Amino acid sequence: MTDRFGLGPGRIVGAFVAGLLVELVLTAFSAWFPSAGGGYGAPFEVGQSQGLALFQSPERPDTFSAAILALDVAVATLLFLMLARWSGLLGIVLGAVGALVSLAAAIVMLVFGLPFGGLPIPLFRSSPLPSTLVLWVDMFFWAGVLAGLVRWRRQRTRAAGL
């Protein structure tokens, strides 16, 4: 059962779960390694980092905004819905895997002392762009690449008559 946009309940739930997972992992990671200004979360910053005290501290109890995190999850879900429309549920799954592997690769690149981390937009140790936004764009770039591979494979299989 799909609607006129080609999205069934499975794809909608899958897109929401993928968006939520990706945003929670990125928010948790960026809270410990915030942008130069101290903000964490992406595409919109959800608060100012307190180091290992993730969501609040006695000095600044209002640093975390659940409403902005919900907005981040909504944006990520919409992007995954577009991938779902384009490449199906498998595209969502591989897209989420691609996003998380992209984040892990950027972390490994920076930990091992490379001058930058992440691709296609390199994240330099000193960058004018917020690092969380750069990581978010990289994550969704790779999500789109893997979803595109699913679409390409499906079209190739259909063309071959299999």
C-alpha atoms as a PDB file:
ATOM      1  CA  MET A   1       0.000   0.000   0.000  1.00  0.00           C
ATOM      2  CA  THR A   2       1.577   3.255  -1.124  1.00  0.00           C
ATOM      3  CA  ASP A   3       0.257   6.766  -1.396  1.00  0.00           C
ATOM      4  CA  ARG A   4       0.484   8.943  -4.468  1.00  0.00           C
ATOM      5  CA  PHE A   5       4.079   9.824  -3.578  1.00  0.00           C
ATOM      6  CA  GLY A   6       5.166   6.174  -3.653  1.00  0.00           C
ATOM      7  CA  LEU A   7       5.684   5.987   0.099  1.00  0.00           C
ATOM      8  CA  GLY A   8       4.184   3.174   2.103  1.00  0.00           C
ATOM      9  CA  PRO A   9       4.050   2.888   5.891  1.00  0.00           C
ATOM     10  CA  GLY A  10       7.267   0.842   5.964  1.00  0.00           C
ATOM     11  CA  ARG A  11       9.204   3.503   4.093  1.00  0.00           C
ATOM     12  CA  ILE A  12       7.816   6.288   6.289  1.00  0.00           C
ATOM     13  CA  VAL A  13       8.677   4.455   9.516  1.00  0.00           C
ATOM     14  CA  GLY A  14      12.079   3.481   8.104  1.00  0.00           C
ATOM     15  CA  ALA A  15      12.845   7.078   7.157  1.00  0.00           C
ATOM     16  CA  PHE A  16      11.859   8.296  10.614  1.00  0.00           C
ATOM     17  CA  VAL A  17      13.949   5.648  12.396  1.00  0.00           C
ATOM     18  CA  ALA A  18      16.951   6.367  10.155  1.00  0.00           C
ATOM     19  CA  GLY A  19      16.597  10.126  10.642  1.00  0.00           C
ATOM     20  CA  LEU A  20      16.282   9.736  14.399  1.00  0.00           C
ATOM     21  CA  LEU A  21      19.261   7.366  14.613  1.00  0.00           C
ATOM     22  CA  VAL A  22      21.533   9.530  12.481  1.00  0.00           C
ATOM     23  CA  GLU A  23      20.624  12.710  14.362  1.00  0.00           C
ATOM     24  CA  LEU A  24      21.026  11.145  17.804  1.00  0.00           C
ATOM     25  CA  VAL A  25      24.444   9.718  16.927  1.00  0.00           C
ATOM     26  CA  LEU A  26      25.628  13.001  15.398  1.00  0.00           C
ATOM     27  CA  THR A  27      24.272  15.025  18.328  1.00  0.00           C
ATOM     28  CA  ALA A  28      25.939  12.761  20.887  1.00  0.00           C
ATOM     29  CA  PHE A  29      29.235  12.819  19.000  1.00  0.00           C
ATOM     30  CA  SER A  30      29.213  16.563  18.439  1.00  0.00           C
ATOM     31  CA  ALA A  31      28.382  17.268  22.091  1.00  0.00           C
ATOM     32  CA  TRP A  32      31.769  15.818  23.030  1.00  0.00           C
ATOM     33  CA  PHE A  33      33.548  17.367  20.045  1.00  0.00           C
ATOM     34  CA  PRO A  34      31.635  20.594  19.361  1.00  0.00           C
ATOM     35  CA  SER A  35      32.175  23.207  16.675  1.00  0.00           C
ATOM     36  CA  ALA A  36      34.604  26.062  17.316  1.00  0.00           C
ATOM     37  CA  GLY A  37      31.825  28.125  18.907  1.00  0.00           C
ATOM     38  CA  GLY A  38      30.836  25.275  21.231  1.00  0.00           C
ATOM     39  CA  GLY A  39      27.591  24.410  19.446  1.00  0.00           C
ATOM     40  CA  TYR A  40      26.555  20.834  18.826  1.00  0.00           C
ATOM     41  CA  GLY A  41      23.944  19.107  16.691  1.00  0.00           C
ATOM     42  CA  ALA A  42      23.240  19.599  13.004  1.00  0.00           C
ATOM     43  CA  PRO A  43      21.910  20.925  10.673  1.00  0.00           C
ATOM     44  CA  PHE A  44      20.709  23.289  13.409  1.00  0.00           C
ATOM     45  CA  GLU A  45      22.687  23.541  16.636  1.00  0.00           C
ATOM     46  CA  VAL A  46      20.703  22.131  19.565  1.00  0.00           C
ATOM     47  CA  GLY A  47      22.803  23.744  22.284  1.00  0.00           C
ATOM     48  CA  GLN A  48      26.203  24.684  23.627  1.00  0.00           C
ATOM     49  CA  SER A  49      28.472  21.856  24.715  1.00  0.00           C
ATOM     50  CA  GLN A  50      29.463  21.420  28.326  1.00  0.00           C
ATOM     51  CA  GLY A  51      32.082  18.808  27.489  1.00  0.00           C
ATOM     52  CA  LEU A  52      30.982  15.480  28.910  1.00  0.00           C
ATOM     53  CA  ALA A  53      27.871  16.941  30.589  1.00  0.00           C
ATOM     54  CA  LEU A  54      25.725  16.415  27.529  1.00  0.00           C
ATOM     55  CA  PHE A  55      22.469  18.258  28.002  1.00  0.00           C
ATOM     56  CA  GLN A  56      22.723  20.619  30.945  1.00  0.00           C
ATOM     57  CA  SER A  57      24.901  21.996  33.700  1.00  0.00           C
ATOM     58  CA  PRO A  58      24.209  24.035  36.833  1.00  0.00           C
ATOM     59  CA  GLU A  59      25.766  27.108  35.194  1.00  0.00           C
ATOM     60  CA  ARG A  60      23.705  26.898  32.000  1.00  0.00           C
ATOM     61  CA  PRO A  61      20.660  24.671  32.526  1.00  0.00           C
ATOM     62  CA  ASP A  62      19.037  25.655  29.224  1.00  0.00           C
ATOM     63  CA  THR A  63      21.766  24.643  26.801  1.00  0.00           C
ATOM     64  CA  PHE A  64      19.837  21.789  25.157  1.00  0.00           C
ATOM     65  CA  SER A  65      16.743  22.410  23.045  1.00  0.00           C
ATOM     66  CA  ALA A  66      14.545  19.388  22.417  1.00  0.00           C
ATOM     67  CA  ALA A  67      12.495  21.439  19.924  1.00  0.00           C
ATOM     68  CA  ILE A  68      15.542  22.087  17.753  1.00  0.00           C
ATOM     69  CA  LEU A  69      16.537  18.414  17.993  1.00  0.00           C
ATOM     70  CA  ALA A  70      13.022  17.540  16.803  1.00  0.00           C
ATOM     71  CA  LEU A  71      13.521  19.958  13.889  1.00  0.00           C
ATOM     72  CA  ASP A  72      16.849  18.279  13.066  1.00  0.00           C
ATOM     73  CA  VAL A  73      15.153  14.857  13.118  1.00  0.00           C
ATOM     74  CA  ALA A  74      12.347  16.190  10.897  1.00  0.00           C
ATOM     75  CA  VAL A  75      14.838  17.506   8.322  1.00  0.00           C
ATOM     76  CA  ALA A  76      16.772  14.224   8.354  1.00  0.00           C
ATOM     77  CA  THR A  77      13.522  12.260   8.046  1.00  0.00           C
ATOM     78  CA  LEU A  78      12.490  14.336   5.014  1.00  0.00           C
ATOM     79  CA  LEU A  79      15.834  13.631   3.368  1.00  0.00           C
ATOM     80  CA  PHE A  80      15.460   9.918   4.065  1.00  0.00           C
ATOM     81  CA  LEU A  81      11.895  10.064   2.679  1.00  0.00           C
ATOM     82  CA  MET A  82      13.317  11.450  -0.555  1.00  0.00           C
ATOM     83  CA  LEU A  83      15.812   8.595  -0.614  1.00  0.00           C
ATOM     84  CA  ALA A  84      12.952   6.162   0.095  1.00  0.00           C
ATOM     85  CA  ARG A  85      10.940   7.504  -2.824  1.00  0.00           C
ATOM     86  CA  TRP A  86      13.992   7.145  -5.009  1.00  0.00           C
ATOM     87  CA  SER A  87      15.444   3.826  -3.865  1.00  0.00           C
ATOM     88  CA  GLY A  88      13.024   2.087  -1.493  1.00  0.00           C
ATOM     89  CA  LEU A  89      13.465   0.732   1.996  1.00  0.00           C
ATOM     90  CA  LEU A  90      16.833  -0.832   1.178  1.00  0.00           C
ATOM     91  CA  GLY A  91      18.019   2.619   0.109  1.00  0.00           C
ATOM     92  CA  ILE A  92      17.039   3.990   3.526  1.00  0.00           C
ATOM     93  CA  VAL A  93      18.906   1.235   5.345  1.00  0.00           C
ATOM     94  CA  LEU A  94      22.046   1.575   3.251  1.00  0.00           C
ATOM     95  CA  GLY A  95      21.737   5.357   3.397  1.00  0.00           C
ATOM     96  CA  ALA A  96      21.738   5.276   7.201  1.00  0.00           C
ATOM     97  CA  VAL A  97      24.694   2.880   7.166  1.00  0.00           C
ATOM     98  CA  GLY A  98      26.522   5.183   4.752  1.00  0.00           C
ATOM     99  CA  ALA A  99      25.855   8.200   6.963  1.00  0.00           C
ATOM    100  CA  LEU A 100      27.131   6.458  10.091  1.00  0.00           C
ATOM    101  CA  VAL A 101      30.202   5.041   8.314  1.00  0.00           C
ATOM    102  CA  SER A 102      30.951   8.532   6.992  1.00  0.00           C
ATOM    103  CA  LEU A 103      30.877   9.923  10.526  1.00  0.00           C
ATOM    104  CA  ALA A 104      33.075   7.090  11.803  1.00  0.00           C
ATOM    105  CA  ALA A 105      35.557   7.631   8.955  1.00  0.00           C
ATOM    106  CA  ALA A 106      35.792  11.355   9.731  1.00  0.00           C
ATOM    107  CA  ILE A 107      36.440  10.548  13.394  1.00  0.00           C
ATOM    108  CA  VAL A 108      39.138   8.009  12.527  1.00  0.00           C
ATOM    109  CA  MET A 109      40.778  10.427  10.082  1.00  0.00           C
ATOM    110  CA  LEU A 110      40.976  13.135  12.744  1.00  0.00           C
ATOM    111  CA  VAL A 111      42.081  10.771  15.521  1.00  0.00           C
ATOM    112  CA  PHE A 112      44.991   9.495  13.449  1.00  0.00           C
ATOM    113  CA  GLY A 113      46.245  13.035  12.935  1.00  0.00           C
ATOM    114  CA  LEU A 114      45.350  13.582   9.307  1.00  0.00           C
ATOM    115  CA  PRO A 115      45.093  17.277   8.460  1.00  0.00           C
ATOM    116  CA  PHE A 116      41.404  16.841   7.631  1.00  0.00           C
ATOM    117  CA  GLY A 117      38.545  14.443   8.195  1.00  0.00           C
ATOM    118  CA  GLY A 118      35.525  13.559   6.115  1.00  0.00           C
ATOM    119  CA  LEU A 119      34.743  13.699   2.425  1.00  0.00           C
ATOM    120  CA  PRO A 120      33.520  15.179   0.042  1.00  0.00           C
ATOM    121  CA  ILE A 121      33.752  18.373   2.127  1.00  0.00           C
ATOM    122  CA  PRO A 122      36.936  18.054   4.147  1.00  0.00           C
ATOM    123  CA  LEU A 123      36.711  19.055   7.767  1.00  0.00           C
ATOM    124  CA  PHE A 124      39.899  20.863   8.703  1.00  0.00           C
ATOM    125  CA  ARG A 125      41.019  21.335  12.293  1.00  0.00           C
ATOM    126  CA  SER A 126      40.422  25.065  11.917  1.00  0.00           C
ATOM    127  CA  SER A 127      37.509  25.774   9.612  1.00  0.00           C
ATOM    128  CA  PRO A 128      35.244  28.787   9.124  1.00  0.00           C
ATOM    129  CA  LEU A 129      32.269  26.440   8.757  1.00  0.00           C
ATOM    130  CA  PRO A 130      30.674  24.765  11.791  1.00  0.00           C
ATOM    131  CA  SER A 131      32.197  21.302  11.993  1.00  0.00           C
ATOM    132  CA  THR A 132      28.866  19.682  12.832  1.00  0.00           C
ATOM    133  CA  LEU A 133      27.267  21.085   9.682  1.00  0.00           C
ATOM    134  CA  VAL A 134      30.171  19.856   7.539  1.00  0.00           C
ATOM    135  CA  LEU A 135      29.860  16.372   9.061  1.00  0.00           C
ATOM    136  CA  TRP A 136      26.086  16.423   8.505  1.00  0.00           C
ATOM    137  CA  VAL A 137      26.480  17.335   4.817  1.00  0.00           C
ATOM    138  CA  ASP A 138      29.123  14.621   4.392  1.00  0.00           C
ATOM    139  CA  MET A 139      26.872  12.077   6.092  1.00  0.00           C
ATOM    140  CA  PHE A 140      23.934  12.796   3.806  1.00  0.00           C
ATOM    141  CA  PHE A 141      26.161  12.891   0.736  1.00  0.00           C
ATOM    142  CA  TRP A 142      27.244   9.298   1.442  1.00  0.00           C
ATOM    143  CA  ALA A 143      23.683   8.315   2.341  1.00  0.00           C
ATOM    144  CA  GLY A 144      22.653   9.536  -1.108  1.00  0.00           C
ATOM    145  CA  VAL A 145      25.533   7.700  -2.799  1.00  0.00           C
ATOM    146  CA  LEU A 146      24.580   4.354  -1.258  1.00  0.00           C
ATOM    147  CA  ALA A 147      20.880   4.883  -1.952  1.00  0.00           C
ATOM    148  CA  GLY A 148      21.849   5.759  -5.525  1.00  0.00           C
ATOM    149  CA  LEU A 149      23.717   2.467  -5.826  1.00  0.00           C
ATOM    150  CA  VAL A 150      20.552   0.639  -4.752  1.00  0.00           C
ATOM    151  CA  ARG A 151      18.537   2.497  -7.389  1.00  0.00           C
ATOM    152  CA  TRP A 152      21.150   1.850 -10.062  1.00  0.00           C
ATOM    153  CA  ARG A 153      21.226  -1.859  -9.212  1.00  0.00           C
ATOM    154  CA  ARG A 154      17.425  -2.108  -9.347  1.00  0.00           C
ATOM    155  CA  GLN A 155      17.245  -0.372 -12.715  1.00  0.00           C
ATOM    156  CA  ARG A 156      19.978  -2.569 -14.088  1.00  0.00           C
ATOM    157  CA  THR A 157      18.194  -5.693 -12.848  1.00  0.00           C
ATOM    158  CA  ARG A 158      14.902  -4.554 -14.417  1.00  0.00           C
ATOM    159  CA  ALA A 159      16.616  -3.757 -17.722  1.00  0.00           C
ATOM    160  CA  ALA A 160      18.087  -7.246 -17.782  1.00  0.00           C
ATOM    161  CA  GLY A 161      14.638  -8.712 -17.216  1.00  0.00           C
ATOM    162  CA  LEU A 162      15.498 -10.441 -13.963  1.00  0.00           C
END
